[in-house]
Amino acid sequence: MKPATELMTISHFKATCLAVLERVRRTGQPVLVTRRGELVAEIVPPPPAPPNASWIGSLRGAVRIKGDIIAPTSEPADWDALR
């Protein structure tokens, strides 16, 4: 059975904000924040982090080679350094 969600006034939340956020993160139990008896916010834990994928190989298939990548792009006679 799931425990009841905690209700908290906005003034109490403001005074203990960091502790409340840490408790929600650690326990996974949401907190409802009220102002004059009306619900103004629901503090819920973040969704689980996605698995850490390796960057190696992440661009596979993103580039196509359309010719000789080793040969010079122009004739050696066009180079100023060789004149």
PDB file of N, CA and C in Angstrom:
ATOM      1  N   MET A   1       0.854  -1.186   0.000  1.00  0.00           N
ATOM      2  CA  MET A   1       0.000   0.000   0.000  1.00  0.00           C
ATOM      3  C   MET A   1       0.897   1.246   0.000  1.00  0.00           C
ATOM      4  N   LYS A   2       0.554   2.191  -0.851  1.00  0.00           N
ATOM      5  CA  LYS A   2       1.326   3.422  -0.995  1.00  0.00           C
ATOM      6  C   LYS A   2       0.998   4.391   0.149  1.00  0.00           C
ATOM      7  N   PRO A   3       2.037   4.984   0.790  1.00  0.00           N
ATOM      8  CA  PRO A   3       1.765   5.943   1.857  1.00  0.00           C
ATOM      9  C   PRO A   3       1.069   7.191   1.310  1.00  0.00           C
ATOM     10  N   ALA A   4       0.347   7.876   2.189  1.00  0.00           N
ATOM     11  CA  ALA A   4      -0.376   9.084   1.807  1.00  0.00           C
ATOM     12  C   ALA A   4       0.608  10.179   1.395  1.00  0.00           C
ATOM     13  N   THR A   5       0.196  10.972   0.418  1.00  0.00           N
ATOM     14  CA  THR A   5       1.005  12.100  -0.020  1.00  0.00           C
ATOM     15  C   THR A   5       0.988  13.175   1.052  1.00  0.00           C
ATOM     16  N   GLU A   6       2.149  13.750   1.299  1.00  0.00           N
ATOM     17  CA  GLU A   6       2.282  14.770   2.344  1.00  0.00           C
ATOM     18  C   GLU A   6       1.711  16.106   1.856  1.00  0.00           C
ATOM     19  N   LEU A   7       0.940  16.773   2.699  1.00  0.00           N
ATOM     20  CA  LEU A   7       0.449  18.130   2.441  1.00  0.00           C
ATOM     21  C   LEU A   7       1.305  19.111   3.223  1.00  0.00           C
ATOM     22  N   MET A   8       1.610  20.245   2.610  1.00  0.00           N
ATOM     23  CA  MET A   8       2.462  21.229   3.260  1.00  0.00           C
ATOM     24  C   MET A   8       2.000  22.630   2.849  1.00  0.00           C
ATOM     25  N   THR A   9       1.956  23.539   3.809  1.00  0.00           N
ATOM     26  CA  THR A   9       1.600  24.918   3.472  1.00  0.00           C
ATOM     27  C   THR A   9       2.749  25.565   2.714  1.00  0.00           C
ATOM     28  N   ILE A  10       2.431  26.555   1.930  1.00  0.00           N
ATOM     29  CA  ILE A  10       3.450  27.210   1.111  1.00  0.00           C
ATOM     30  C   ILE A  10       4.492  27.912   1.973  1.00  0.00           C
ATOM     31  N   SER A  11       4.098  28.441   3.120  1.00  0.00           N
ATOM     32  CA  SER A  11       5.068  29.107   3.991  1.00  0.00           C
ATOM     33  C   SER A  11       6.055  28.097   4.588  1.00  0.00           C
ATOM     34  N   HIS A  12       5.572  26.917   4.952  1.00  0.00           N
ATOM     35  CA  HIS A  12       6.465  25.880   5.470  1.00  0.00           C
ATOM     36  C   HIS A  12       7.381  25.362   4.351  1.00  0.00           C
ATOM     37  N   PHE A  13       6.842  25.222   3.145  1.00  0.00           N
ATOM     38  CA  PHE A  13       7.668  24.790   2.018  1.00  0.00           C
ATOM     39  C   PHE A  13       8.770  25.809   1.734  1.00  0.00           C
ATOM     40  N   LYS A  14       8.412  27.078   1.766  1.00  0.00           N
ATOM     41  CA  LYS A  14       9.399  28.127   1.508  1.00  0.00           C
ATOM     42  C   LYS A  14      10.529  28.082   2.535  1.00  0.00           C
ATOM     43  N   ALA A  15      10.196  27.828   3.783  1.00  0.00           N
ATOM     44  CA  ALA A  15      11.208  27.803   4.845  1.00  0.00           C
ATOM     45  C   ALA A  15      12.096  26.569   4.783  1.00  0.00           C
ATOM     46  N   THR A  16      11.580  25.472   4.213  1.00  0.00           N
ATOM     47  CA  THR A  16      12.337  24.213   4.204  1.00  0.00           C
ATOM     48  C   THR A  16      12.489  23.644   2.792  1.00  0.00           C
ATOM     49  N   CYS A  17      12.511  24.499   1.808  1.00  0.00           N
ATOM     50  CA  CYS A  17      12.485  24.088   0.399  1.00  0.00           C
ATOM     51  C   CYS A  17      13.564  23.061   0.048  1.00  0.00           C
ATOM     52  N   LEU A  18      14.821  23.358   0.349  1.00  0.00           N
ATOM     53  CA  LEU A  18      15.910  22.458  -0.047  1.00  0.00           C
ATOM     54  C   LEU A  18      15.795  21.096   0.627  1.00  0.00           C
ATOM     55  N   ALA A  19      15.415  21.082   1.881  1.00  0.00           N
ATOM     56  CA  ALA A  19      15.255  19.808   2.584  1.00  0.00           C
ATOM     57  C   ALA A  19      14.089  19.003   2.007  1.00  0.00           C
ATOM     58  N   VAL A  20      13.003  19.677   1.667  1.00  0.00           N
ATOM     59  CA  VAL A  20      11.845  18.991   1.092  1.00  0.00           C
ATOM     60  C   VAL A  20      12.211  18.412  -0.277  1.00  0.00           C
ATOM     61  N   LEU A  21      12.901  19.188  -1.107  1.00  0.00           N
ATOM     62  CA  LEU A  21      13.301  18.689  -2.426  1.00  0.00           C
ATOM     63  C   LEU A  21      14.216  17.473  -2.298  1.00  0.00           C
ATOM     64  N   GLU A  22      15.142  17.503  -1.382  1.00  0.00           N
ATOM     65  CA  GLU A  22      16.040  16.359  -1.175  1.00  0.00           C
ATOM     66  C   GLU A  22      15.261  15.140  -0.689  1.00  0.00           C
ATOM     67  N   ARG A  23      14.304  15.336   0.207  1.00  0.00           N
ATOM     68  CA  ARG A  23      13.504  14.224   0.710  1.00  0.00           C
ATOM     69  C   ARG A  23      12.664  13.597  -0.405  1.00  0.00           C
ATOM     70  N   VAL A  24      12.087  14.431  -1.268  1.00  0.00           N
ATOM     71  CA  VAL A  24      11.299  13.918  -2.393  1.00  0.00           C
ATOM     72  C   VAL A  24      12.207  13.129  -3.336  1.00  0.00           C
ATOM     73  N   ARG A  25      13.404  13.638  -3.609  1.00  0.00           N
ATOM     74  CA  ARG A  25      14.336  12.942  -4.492  1.00  0.00           C
ATOM     75  C   ARG A  25      14.743  11.592  -3.897  1.00  0.00           C
ATOM     76  N   ARG A  26      15.020  11.586  -2.597  1.00  0.00           N
ATOM     77  CA  ARG A  26      15.508  10.380  -1.930  1.00  0.00           C
ATOM     78  C   ARG A  26      14.409   9.328  -1.768  1.00  0.00           C
ATOM     79  N   THR A  27      13.221   9.743  -1.339  1.00  0.00           N
ATOM     80  CA  THR A  27      12.151   8.784  -1.040  1.00  0.00           C
ATOM     81  C   THR A  27      11.245   8.504  -2.229  1.00  0.00           C
ATOM     82  N   GLY A  28      11.152   9.445  -3.153  1.00  0.00           N
ATOM     83  CA  GLY A  28      10.252   9.265  -4.288  1.00  0.00           C
ATOM     84  C   GLY A  28       8.806   9.598  -3.975  1.00  0.00           C
ATOM     85  N   GLN A  29       8.523  10.058  -2.763  1.00  0.00           N
ATOM     86  CA  GLN A  29       7.160  10.394  -2.365  1.00  0.00           C
ATOM     87  C   GLN A  29       6.862  11.861  -2.673  1.00  0.00           C
ATOM     88  N   PRO A  30       5.794  12.150  -3.415  1.00  0.00           N
ATOM     89  CA  PRO A  30       5.470  13.534  -3.750  1.00  0.00           C
ATOM     90  C   PRO A  30       4.976  14.326  -2.543  1.00  0.00           C
ATOM     91  N   VAL A  31       5.066  15.646  -2.665  1.00  0.00           N
ATOM     92  CA  VAL A  31       4.584  16.567  -1.636  1.00  0.00           C
ATOM     93  C   VAL A  31       3.646  17.550  -2.317  1.00  0.00           C
ATOM     94  N   LEU A  32       2.474  17.760  -1.728  1.00  0.00           N
ATOM     95  CA  LEU A  32       1.520  18.740  -2.231  1.00  0.00           C
ATOM     96  C   LEU A  32       1.669  20.023  -1.429  1.00  0.00           C
ATOM     97  N   VAL A  33       1.792  21.147  -2.127  1.00  0.00           N
ATOM     98  CA  VAL A  33       1.951  22.441  -1.478  1.00  0.00           C
ATOM     99  C   VAL A  33       0.636  23.201  -1.627  1.00  0.00           C
ATOM    100  N   THR A  34       0.152  23.733  -0.503  1.00  0.00           N
ATOM    101  CA  THR A  34      -1.133  24.437  -0.513  1.00  0.00           C
ATOM    102  C   THR A  34      -0.971  25.882  -0.051  1.00  0.00           C
ATOM    103  N   ARG A  35      -1.882  26.721  -0.519  1.00  0.00           N
ATOM    104  CA  ARG A  35      -1.984  28.108  -0.059  1.00  0.00           C
ATOM    105  C   ARG A  35      -3.448  28.322   0.318  1.00  0.00           C
ATOM    106  N   ARG A  36      -3.652  28.620   1.579  1.00  0.00           N
ATOM    107  CA  ARG A  36      -5.011  28.820   2.126  1.00  0.00           C
ATOM    108  C   ARG A  36      -5.925  27.637   1.796  1.00  0.00           C
ATOM    109  N   GLY A  37      -5.354  26.434   1.875  1.00  0.00           N
ATOM    110  CA  GLY A  37      -6.138  25.223   1.666  1.00  0.00           C
ATOM    111  C   GLY A  37      -6.275  24.781   0.218  1.00  0.00           C
ATOM    112  N   GLU A  38      -5.823  25.585  -0.744  1.00  0.00           N
ATOM    113  CA  GLU A  38      -5.925  25.219  -2.153  1.00  0.00           C
ATOM    114  C   GLU A  38      -4.578  24.741  -2.675  1.00  0.00           C
ATOM    115  N   LEU A  39      -4.616  23.710  -3.458  1.00  0.00           N
ATOM    116  CA  LEU A  39      -3.396  23.141  -4.018  1.00  0.00           C
ATOM    117  C   LEU A  39      -2.766  24.123  -5.009  1.00  0.00           C
ATOM    118  N   VAL A  40      -1.465  24.414  -4.830  1.00  0.00           N
ATOM    119  CA  VAL A  40      -0.761  25.315  -5.747  1.00  0.00           C
ATOM    120  C   VAL A  40       0.388  24.620  -6.468  1.00  0.00           C
ATOM    121  N   ALA A  41       0.891  23.518  -5.903  1.00  0.00           N
ATOM    122  CA  ALA A  41       2.004  22.814  -6.548  1.00  0.00           C
ATOM    123  C   ALA A  41       2.073  21.380  -6.057  1.00  0.00           C
ATOM    124  N   GLU A  42       2.632  20.545  -6.911  1.00  0.00           N
ATOM    125  CA  GLU A  42       2.924  19.164  -6.542  1.00  0.00           C
ATOM    126  C   GLU A  42       4.404  18.940  -6.814  1.00  0.00           C
ATOM    127  N   ILE A  43       5.149  18.614  -5.791  1.00  0.00           N
ATOM    128  CA  ILE A  43       6.577  18.356  -5.924  1.00  0.00           C
ATOM    129  C   ILE A  43       6.736  16.853  -6.105  1.00  0.00           C
ATOM    130  N   VAL A  44       7.236  16.456  -7.283  1.00  0.00           N
ATOM    131  CA  VAL A  44       7.404  15.033  -7.594  1.00  0.00           C
ATOM    132  C   VAL A  44       8.863  14.760  -7.934  1.00  0.00           C
ATOM    133  N   PRO A  45       9.319  13.530  -7.755  1.00  0.00           N
ATOM    134  CA  PRO A  45      10.702  13.219  -8.102  1.00  0.00           C
ATOM    135  C   PRO A  45      10.888  13.235  -9.613  1.00  0.00           C
ATOM    136  N   PRO A  46      12.105  13.464 -10.081  1.00  0.00           N
ATOM    137  CA  PRO A  46      12.355  13.462 -11.524  1.00  0.00           C
ATOM    138  C   PRO A  46      12.268  12.039 -12.070  1.00  0.00           C
ATOM    139  N   PRO A  47      12.037  11.915 -13.377  1.00  0.00           N
ATOM    140  CA  PRO A  47      12.025  10.573 -13.968  1.00  0.00           C
ATOM    141  C   PRO A  47      13.430   9.979 -13.918  1.00  0.00           C
ATOM    142  N   PRO A  48      13.542   8.683 -14.010  1.00  0.00           N
ATOM    143  CA  PRO A  48      14.867   8.068 -13.984  1.00  0.00           C
ATOM    144  C   PRO A  48      15.713   8.556 -15.155  1.00  0.00           C
ATOM    145  N   ALA A  49      17.002   8.683 -14.904  1.00  0.00           N
ATOM    146  CA  ALA A  49      17.915   9.149 -15.950  1.00  0.00           C
ATOM    147  C   ALA A  49      18.058   8.078 -17.019  1.00  0.00           C
ATOM    148  N   PRO A  50      18.157   8.486 -18.291  1.00  0.00           N
ATOM    149  CA  PRO A  50      18.358   7.489 -19.346  1.00  0.00           C
ATOM    150  C   PRO A  50      19.733   6.850 -19.197  1.00  0.00           C
ATOM    151  N   PRO A  51      19.887   5.647 -19.694  1.00  0.00           N
ATOM    152  CA  PRO A  51      21.194   4.999 -19.577  1.00  0.00           C
ATOM    153  C   PRO A  51      22.260   5.814 -20.294  1.00  0.00           C
ATOM    154  N   ASN A  52      23.442   5.841 -19.708  1.00  0.00           N
ATOM    155  CA  ASN A  52      24.543   6.619 -20.260  1.00  0.00           C
ATOM    156  C   ASN A  52      25.126   5.888 -21.466  1.00  0.00           C
ATOM    157  N   ALA A  53      24.805   6.376 -22.643  1.00  0.00           N
ATOM    158  CA  ALA A  53      25.296   5.754 -23.868  1.00  0.00           C
ATOM    159  C   ALA A  53      26.709   6.240 -24.153  1.00  0.00           C
ATOM    160  N   SER A  54      27.496   5.380 -24.702  1.00  0.00           N
ATOM    161  CA  SER A  54      28.861   5.737 -25.057  1.00  0.00           C
ATOM    162  C   SER A  54      28.847   6.645 -26.277  1.00  0.00           C
ATOM    163  N   TRP A  55      29.721   7.627 -26.299  1.00  0.00           N
ATOM    164  CA  TRP A  55      29.804   8.521 -27.451  1.00  0.00           C
ATOM    165  C   TRP A  55      30.537   7.866 -28.608  1.00  0.00           C
ATOM    166  N   ILE A  56      31.285   6.812 -28.326  1.00  0.00           N
ATOM    167  CA  ILE A  56      32.020   6.131 -29.389  1.00  0.00           C
ATOM    168  C   ILE A  56      31.014   5.452 -30.314  1.00  0.00           C
ATOM    169  N   GLY A  57      31.078   5.801 -31.566  1.00  0.00           N
ATOM    170  CA  GLY A  57      30.185   5.225 -32.553  1.00  0.00           C
ATOM    171  C   GLY A  57      28.837   5.901 -32.646  1.00  0.00           C
ATOM    172  N   SER A  58      28.629   6.981 -31.897  1.00  0.00           N
ATOM    173  CA  SER A  58      27.313   7.616 -31.886  1.00  0.00           C
ATOM    174  C   SER A  58      26.974   8.315 -33.200  1.00  0.00           C
ATOM    175  N   LEU A  59      27.980   8.626 -34.023  1.00  0.00           N
ATOM    176  CA  LEU A  59      27.721   9.275 -35.317  1.00  0.00           C
ATOM    177  C   LEU A  59      27.789   8.294 -36.483  1.00  0.00           C
ATOM    178  N   ARG A  60      27.796   7.014 -36.192  1.00  0.00           N
ATOM    179  CA  ARG A  60      27.853   6.013 -37.250  1.00  0.00           C
ATOM    180  C   ARG A  60      26.678   6.205 -38.203  1.00  0.00           C
ATOM    181  N   GLY A  61      26.982   6.268 -39.494  1.00  0.00           N
ATOM    182  CA  GLY A  61      25.951   6.440 -40.506  1.00  0.00           C
ATOM    183  C   GLY A  61      25.607   7.891 -40.776  1.00  0.00           C
ATOM    184  N   ALA A  62      26.230   8.828 -40.094  1.00  0.00           N
ATOM    185  CA  ALA A  62      25.906  10.243 -40.272  1.00  0.00           C
ATOM    186  C   ALA A  62      26.705  10.885 -41.403  1.00  0.00           C
ATOM    187  N   VAL A  63      27.774  10.234 -41.871  1.00  0.00           N
ATOM    188  CA  VAL A  63      28.642  10.807 -42.893  1.00  0.00           C
ATOM    189  C   VAL A  63      28.772   9.816 -44.035  1.00  0.00           C
ATOM    190  N   ARG A  64      28.751  10.342 -45.259  1.00  0.00           N
ATOM    191  CA  ARG A  64      28.999   9.502 -46.439  1.00  0.00           C
ATOM    192  C   ARG A  64      30.236  10.024 -47.153  1.00  0.00           C
ATOM    193  N   ILE A  65      31.125   9.133 -47.536  1.00  0.00           N
ATOM    194  CA  ILE A  65      32.314   9.495 -48.304  1.00  0.00           C
ATOM    195  C   ILE A  65      31.944   9.392 -49.774  1.00  0.00           C
ATOM    196  N   LYS A  66      32.123  10.494 -50.502  1.00  0.00           N
ATOM    197  CA  LYS A  66      31.709  10.550 -51.908  1.00  0.00           C
ATOM    198  C   LYS A  66      32.890  10.590 -52.866  1.00  0.00           C
ATOM    199  N   GLY A  67      34.013  10.113 -52.464  1.00  0.00           N
ATOM    200  CA  GLY A  67      35.156  10.106 -53.368  1.00  0.00           C
ATOM    201  C   GLY A  67      36.421   9.778 -52.608  1.00  0.00           C
ATOM    202  N   ASP A  68      37.549  10.052 -53.253  1.00  0.00           N
ATOM    203  CA  ASP A  68      38.848   9.772 -52.660  1.00  0.00           C
ATOM    204  C   ASP A  68      39.136  10.809 -51.578  1.00  0.00           C
ATOM    205  N   ILE A  69      39.305  10.364 -50.342  1.00  0.00           N
ATOM    206  CA  ILE A  69      39.541  11.299 -49.241  1.00  0.00           C
ATOM    207  C   ILE A  69      41.032  11.496 -48.973  1.00  0.00           C
ATOM    208  N   ILE A  70      41.887  10.805 -49.733  1.00  0.00           N
ATOM    209  CA  ILE A  70      43.328  10.905 -49.515  1.00  0.00           C
ATOM    210  C   ILE A  70      43.989  11.790 -50.563  1.00  0.00           C
ATOM    211  N   ALA A  71      43.500  11.742 -51.784  1.00  0.00           N
ATOM    212  CA  ALA A  71      44.117  12.500 -52.877  1.00  0.00           C
ATOM    213  C   ALA A  71      43.922  13.998 -52.684  1.00  0.00           C
ATOM    214  N   PRO A  72      44.853  14.831 -53.197  1.00  0.00           N
ATOM    215  CA  PRO A  72      44.674  16.285 -53.110  1.00  0.00           C
ATOM    216  C   PRO A  72      43.426  16.735 -53.867  1.00  0.00           C
ATOM    217  N   THR A  73      42.886  17.856 -53.448  1.00  0.00           N
ATOM    218  CA  THR A  73      41.671  18.356 -54.087  1.00  0.00           C
ATOM    219  C   THR A  73      41.966  19.115 -55.379  1.00  0.00           C
ATOM    220  N   SER A  74      43.223  19.462 -55.599  1.00  0.00           N
ATOM    221  CA  SER A  74      43.598  20.144 -56.843  1.00  0.00           C
ATOM    222  C   SER A  74      44.906  19.549 -57.359  1.00  0.00           C
ATOM    223  N   GLU A  75      45.274  19.929 -58.553  1.00  0.00           N
ATOM    224  CA  GLU A  75      46.510  19.437 -59.163  1.00  0.00           C
ATOM    225  C   GLU A  75      47.719  20.064 -58.462  1.00  0.00           C
ATOM    226  N   PRO A  76      48.847  19.324 -58.318  1.00  0.00           N
ATOM    227  CA  PRO A  76      50.046  19.888 -57.699  1.00  0.00           C
ATOM    228  C   PRO A  76      50.566  21.133 -58.419  1.00  0.00           C
ATOM    229  N   ALA A  77      50.312  21.290 -59.696  1.00  0.00           N
ATOM    230  CA  ALA A  77      50.759  22.468 -60.447  1.00  0.00           C
ATOM    231  C   ALA A  77      50.039  23.729 -59.982  1.00  0.00           C
ATOM    232  N   ASP A  78      48.883  23.578 -59.366  1.00  0.00           N
ATOM    233  CA  ASP A  78      48.097  24.741 -58.894  1.00  0.00           C
ATOM    234  C   ASP A  78      48.589  25.248 -57.539  1.00  0.00           C
ATOM    235  N   TRP A  79      49.483  24.538 -56.868  1.00  0.00           N
ATOM    236  CA  TRP A  79      49.940  24.934 -55.554  1.00  0.00           C
ATOM    237  C   TRP A  79      51.051  25.963 -55.644  1.00  0.00           C
ATOM    238  N   ASP A  80      50.942  27.066 -54.944  1.00  0.00           N
ATOM    239  CA  ASP A  80      51.965  28.116 -54.947  1.00  0.00           C
ATOM    240  C   ASP A  80      53.272  27.610 -54.327  1.00  0.00           C
ATOM    241  N   ALA A  81      53.207  26.755 -53.368  1.00  0.00           N
ATOM    242  CA  ALA A  81      54.399  26.285 -52.671  1.00  0.00           C
ATOM    243  C   ALA A  81      55.297  25.425 -53.567  1.00  0.00           C
ATOM    244  N   LEU A  82      54.724  24.816 -54.582  1.00  0.00           N
ATOM    245  CA  LEU A  82      55.504  23.952 -55.469  1.00  0.00           C
ATOM    246  C   LEU A  82      56.061  24.712 -56.675  1.00  0.00           C
ATOM    247  N   ARG A  83      55.793  25.984 -56.839  1.00  0.00           N
ATOM    248  CA  ARG A  83      56.283  26.746 -58.000  1.00  0.00           C
ATOM    249  C   ARG A  83      57.659  27.244 -57.789  1.00  0.00           C
TER     250      ARG A  83
END
